[in-house]
Amino acid sequence: MPSLHTKPLDFLLLILFALAVTGAFFALRGNRKGSPLLVITTPEGEFVYPLSEDKSYRMEGLLGTSVIEVRGGQAYFADSPCPNKTCVQSGPISAQNSWAACLPNDVFIRIERQDEGVDALAR
């Protein structure tokens, strides 16, 4: 049976490998950062707004106008023409990949992070 002996070059390779793994971890982790965005999807299309700007958006759906409010980095349905108002009662969203929807009115909101995939912001 061959015996396993470590040599100085083995330690050097192990250190280089550890540095490469650590660098890849921080590089991938850094891609998640960015400005939070509110993405609103309606029958008319998809609209992207900054979550950092307090504003009210009136979006047309199948039943009428849904009102989406952005306050303090959170977005929520303030009003909607749907019969049971479940979307209004769902409360605010602010975490990445969180979402809320008014299904009868076909209006959907979600939070994303800005990255290279975003071409422009709707104002």
C-alpha atoms as a PDB file:
ATOM      1  CA  MET A   1       0.000   0.000   0.000  1.00  0.00           C
ATOM      2  CA  PRO A   2       1.312   3.395  -0.834  1.00  0.00           C
ATOM      3  CA  SER A   3       1.698   5.768   2.102  1.00  0.00           C
ATOM      4  CA  LEU A   4       0.274   9.267   1.968  1.00  0.00           C
ATOM      5  CA  HIS A   5       2.791  11.973   2.724  1.00  0.00           C
ATOM      6  CA  THR A   6       1.999  15.639   2.459  1.00  0.00           C
ATOM      7  CA  LYS A   7       4.460  17.899   0.812  1.00  0.00           C
ATOM      8  CA  PRO A   8       4.758  21.713   0.892  1.00  0.00           C
ATOM      9  CA  LEU A   9       3.191  21.942  -2.564  1.00  0.00           C
ATOM     10  CA  ASP A  10       0.094  20.098  -1.227  1.00  0.00           C
ATOM     11  CA  PHE A  11      -0.422  22.811   1.382  1.00  0.00           C
ATOM     12  CA  LEU A  12       0.000  25.523  -1.241  1.00  0.00           C
ATOM     13  CA  LEU A  13      -2.629  23.884  -3.473  1.00  0.00           C
ATOM     14  CA  LEU A  14      -5.004  23.529  -0.531  1.00  0.00           C
ATOM     15  CA  ILE A  15      -4.633  27.221   0.350  1.00  0.00           C
ATOM     16  CA  LEU A  16      -5.177  28.274  -3.277  1.00  0.00           C
ATOM     17  CA  PHE A  17      -8.301  26.113  -3.489  1.00  0.00           C
ATOM     18  CA  ALA A  18      -9.675  27.598  -0.248  1.00  0.00           C
ATOM     19  CA  LEU A  19      -9.046  31.130  -1.539  1.00  0.00           C
ATOM     20  CA  ALA A  20     -10.791  30.330  -4.828  1.00  0.00           C
ATOM     21  CA  VAL A  21     -13.852  28.928  -3.039  1.00  0.00           C
ATOM     22  CA  THR A  22     -14.003  31.918  -0.675  1.00  0.00           C
ATOM     23  CA  GLY A  23     -13.665  34.374  -3.574  1.00  0.00           C
ATOM     24  CA  ALA A  24     -16.425  32.632  -5.540  1.00  0.00           C
ATOM     25  CA  PHE A  25     -18.701  32.695  -2.487  1.00  0.00           C
ATOM     26  CA  PHE A  26     -18.316  36.447  -1.988  1.00  0.00           C
ATOM     27  CA  ALA A  27     -18.597  37.163  -5.718  1.00  0.00           C
ATOM     28  CA  LEU A  28     -21.900  35.280  -5.972  1.00  0.00           C
ATOM     29  CA  ARG A  29     -23.179  36.747  -2.731  1.00  0.00           C
ATOM     30  CA  GLY A  30     -22.442  40.266  -3.972  1.00  0.00           C
ATOM     31  CA  ASN A  31     -24.694  39.784  -7.025  1.00  0.00           C
ATOM     32  CA  ARG A  32     -27.757  39.716  -4.786  1.00  0.00           C
ATOM     33  CA  LYS A  33     -27.299  43.277  -3.689  1.00  0.00           C
ATOM     34  CA  GLY A  34     -28.970  46.179  -5.385  1.00  0.00           C
ATOM     35  CA  SER A  35     -31.830  48.590  -5.054  1.00  0.00           C
ATOM     36  CA  PRO A  36     -35.183  46.975  -4.315  1.00  0.00           C
ATOM     37  CA  LEU A  37     -37.701  47.344  -7.117  1.00  0.00           C
ATOM     38  CA  LEU A  38     -41.471  47.033  -7.243  1.00  0.00           C
ATOM     39  CA  VAL A  39     -42.623  45.085 -10.299  1.00  0.00           C
ATOM     40  CA  ILE A  40     -46.313  45.451 -11.169  1.00  0.00           C
ATOM     41  CA  THR A  41     -47.832  43.105 -13.732  1.00  0.00           C
ATOM     42  CA  THR A  42     -51.220  43.972 -15.257  1.00  0.00           C
ATOM     43  CA  PRO A  43     -53.103  42.947 -18.407  1.00  0.00           C
ATOM     44  CA  GLU A  44     -51.439  45.981 -20.055  1.00  0.00           C
ATOM     45  CA  GLY A  45     -47.879  44.840 -19.296  1.00  0.00           C
ATOM     46  CA  GLU A  46     -45.145  44.867 -16.678  1.00  0.00           C
ATOM     47  CA  PHE A  47     -44.023  48.058 -14.928  1.00  0.00           C
ATOM     48  CA  VAL A  48     -40.951  48.559 -12.712  1.00  0.00           C
ATOM     49  CA  TYR A  49     -40.678  51.258 -10.043  1.00  0.00           C
ATOM     50  CA  PRO A  50     -38.163  52.013  -7.278  1.00  0.00           C
ATOM     51  CA  LEU A  51     -39.277  50.794  -3.857  1.00  0.00           C
ATOM     52  CA  SER A  52     -37.331  53.636  -2.237  1.00  0.00           C
ATOM     53  CA  GLU A  53     -39.715  56.340  -3.520  1.00  0.00           C
ATOM     54  CA  ASP A  54     -43.013  56.829  -1.636  1.00  0.00           C
ATOM     55  CA  LYS A  55     -45.691  57.006  -4.285  1.00  0.00           C
ATOM     56  CA  SER A  56     -49.142  55.779  -5.281  1.00  0.00           C
ATOM     57  CA  TYR A  57     -49.729  53.882  -8.532  1.00  0.00           C
ATOM     58  CA  ARG A  58     -53.118  53.417 -10.204  1.00  0.00           C
ATOM     59  CA  MET A  59     -53.081  50.298 -12.371  1.00  0.00           C
ATOM     60  CA  GLU A  60     -55.887  49.168 -14.679  1.00  0.00           C
ATOM     61  CA  GLY A  61     -56.948  45.545 -14.413  1.00  0.00           C
ATOM     62  CA  LEU A  62     -59.802  43.424 -15.722  1.00  0.00           C
ATOM     63  CA  LEU A  63     -62.369  44.803 -13.244  1.00  0.00           C
ATOM     64  CA  GLY A  64     -61.118  48.374 -12.878  1.00  0.00           C
ATOM     65  CA  THR A  65     -58.372  50.326 -11.119  1.00  0.00           C
ATOM     66  CA  SER A  66     -56.155  48.873  -8.371  1.00  0.00           C
ATOM     67  CA  VAL A  67     -54.255  51.350  -6.201  1.00  0.00           C
ATOM     68  CA  ILE A  68     -50.795  50.246  -5.072  1.00  0.00           C
ATOM     69  CA  GLU A  69     -49.070  52.343  -2.415  1.00  0.00           C
ATOM     70  CA  VAL A  70     -45.335  52.443  -1.732  1.00  0.00           C
ATOM     71  CA  ARG A  71     -44.454  53.779   1.723  1.00  0.00           C
ATOM     72  CA  GLY A  72     -41.250  53.333   3.702  1.00  0.00           C
ATOM     73  CA  GLY A  73     -39.829  50.659   1.425  1.00  0.00           C
ATOM     74  CA  GLN A  74     -43.010  48.569   1.492  1.00  0.00           C
ATOM     75  CA  ALA A  75     -45.662  48.076  -1.187  1.00  0.00           C
ATOM     76  CA  TYR A  76     -49.288  47.111  -0.696  1.00  0.00           C
ATOM     77  CA  PHE A  77     -52.719  47.168  -2.321  1.00  0.00           C
ATOM     78  CA  ALA A  78     -54.480  50.237  -0.893  1.00  0.00           C
ATOM     79  CA  ASP A  79     -57.660  49.627  -2.892  1.00  0.00           C
ATOM     80  CA  SER A  80     -58.949  47.335  -5.613  1.00  0.00           C
ATOM     81  CA  PRO A  81     -62.282  46.729  -7.354  1.00  0.00           C
ATOM     82  CA  CYS A  82     -62.377  43.013  -6.488  1.00  0.00           C
ATOM     83  CA  PRO A  83     -65.398  41.820  -4.479  1.00  0.00           C
ATOM     84  CA  ASN A  84     -63.685  40.345  -1.373  1.00  0.00           C
ATOM     85  CA  LYS A  85     -60.639  42.697  -1.053  1.00  0.00           C
ATOM     86  CA  THR A  86     -58.271  39.852  -0.096  1.00  0.00           C
ATOM     87  CA  CYS A  87     -55.411  41.702  -1.785  1.00  0.00           C
ATOM     88  CA  VAL A  88     -56.007  44.792   0.377  1.00  0.00           C
ATOM     89  CA  GLN A  89     -56.108  42.659   3.531  1.00  0.00           C
ATOM     90  CA  SER A  90     -52.887  40.809   2.622  1.00  0.00           C
ATOM     91  CA  GLY A  91     -50.738  43.644   3.978  1.00  0.00           C
ATOM     92  CA  PRO A  92     -47.434  45.147   2.789  1.00  0.00           C
ATOM     93  CA  ILE A  93     -44.556  43.338   1.104  1.00  0.00           C
ATOM     94  CA  SER A  94     -40.902  44.378   1.278  1.00  0.00           C
ATOM     95  CA  ALA A  95     -38.642  41.308   1.165  1.00  0.00           C
ATOM     96  CA  GLN A  96     -36.974  40.194  -2.045  1.00  0.00           C
ATOM     97  CA  ASN A  97     -39.146  37.721  -3.988  1.00  0.00           C
ATOM     98  CA  SER A  98     -42.234  38.488  -1.887  1.00  0.00           C
ATOM     99  CA  TRP A  99     -45.464  39.068  -3.775  1.00  0.00           C
ATOM    100  CA  ALA A 100     -49.148  39.950  -3.518  1.00  0.00           C
ATOM    101  CA  ALA A 101     -51.904  39.644  -6.093  1.00  0.00           C
ATOM    102  CA  CYS A 102     -55.422  40.722  -6.898  1.00  0.00           C
ATOM    103  CA  LEU A 103     -56.433  37.693  -8.915  1.00  0.00           C
ATOM    104  CA  PRO A 104     -59.922  38.852  -9.993  1.00  0.00           C
ATOM    105  CA  ASN A 105     -58.437  42.119 -11.312  1.00  0.00           C
ATOM    106  CA  ASP A 106     -55.338  40.366 -12.754  1.00  0.00           C
ATOM    107  CA  VAL A 107     -52.855  42.695 -10.997  1.00  0.00           C
ATOM    108  CA  PHE A 108     -49.724  41.174  -9.457  1.00  0.00           C
ATOM    109  CA  ILE A 109     -46.966  42.915  -7.448  1.00  0.00           C
ATOM    110  CA  ARG A 110     -43.557  41.550  -6.431  1.00  0.00           C
ATOM    111  CA  ILE A 111     -40.258  42.779  -5.016  1.00  0.00           C
ATOM    112  CA  GLU A 112     -36.998  42.217  -6.904  1.00  0.00           C
ATOM    113  CA  ARG A 113     -33.462  43.542  -6.675  1.00  0.00           C
ATOM    114  CA  GLN A 114     -32.015  45.777  -9.371  1.00  0.00           C
ATOM    115  CA  ASP A 115     -29.201  44.171 -11.349  1.00  0.00           C
ATOM    116  CA  GLU A 116     -27.847  44.122 -14.871  1.00  0.00           C
ATOM    117  CA  GLY A 117     -31.044  42.450 -16.113  1.00  0.00           C
ATOM    118  CA  VAL A 118     -33.098  45.608 -15.601  1.00  0.00           C
ATOM    119  CA  ASP A 119     -32.968  47.866 -18.647  1.00  0.00           C
ATOM    120  CA  ALA A 120     -35.004  50.854 -17.423  1.00  0.00           C
ATOM    121  CA  LEU A 121     -37.344  52.106 -14.744  1.00  0.00           C
ATOM    122  CA  ALA A 122     -40.884  53.253 -15.522  1.00  0.00           C
ATOM    123  CA  ARG A 123     -41.767  56.620 -14.008  1.00  0.00           C
END
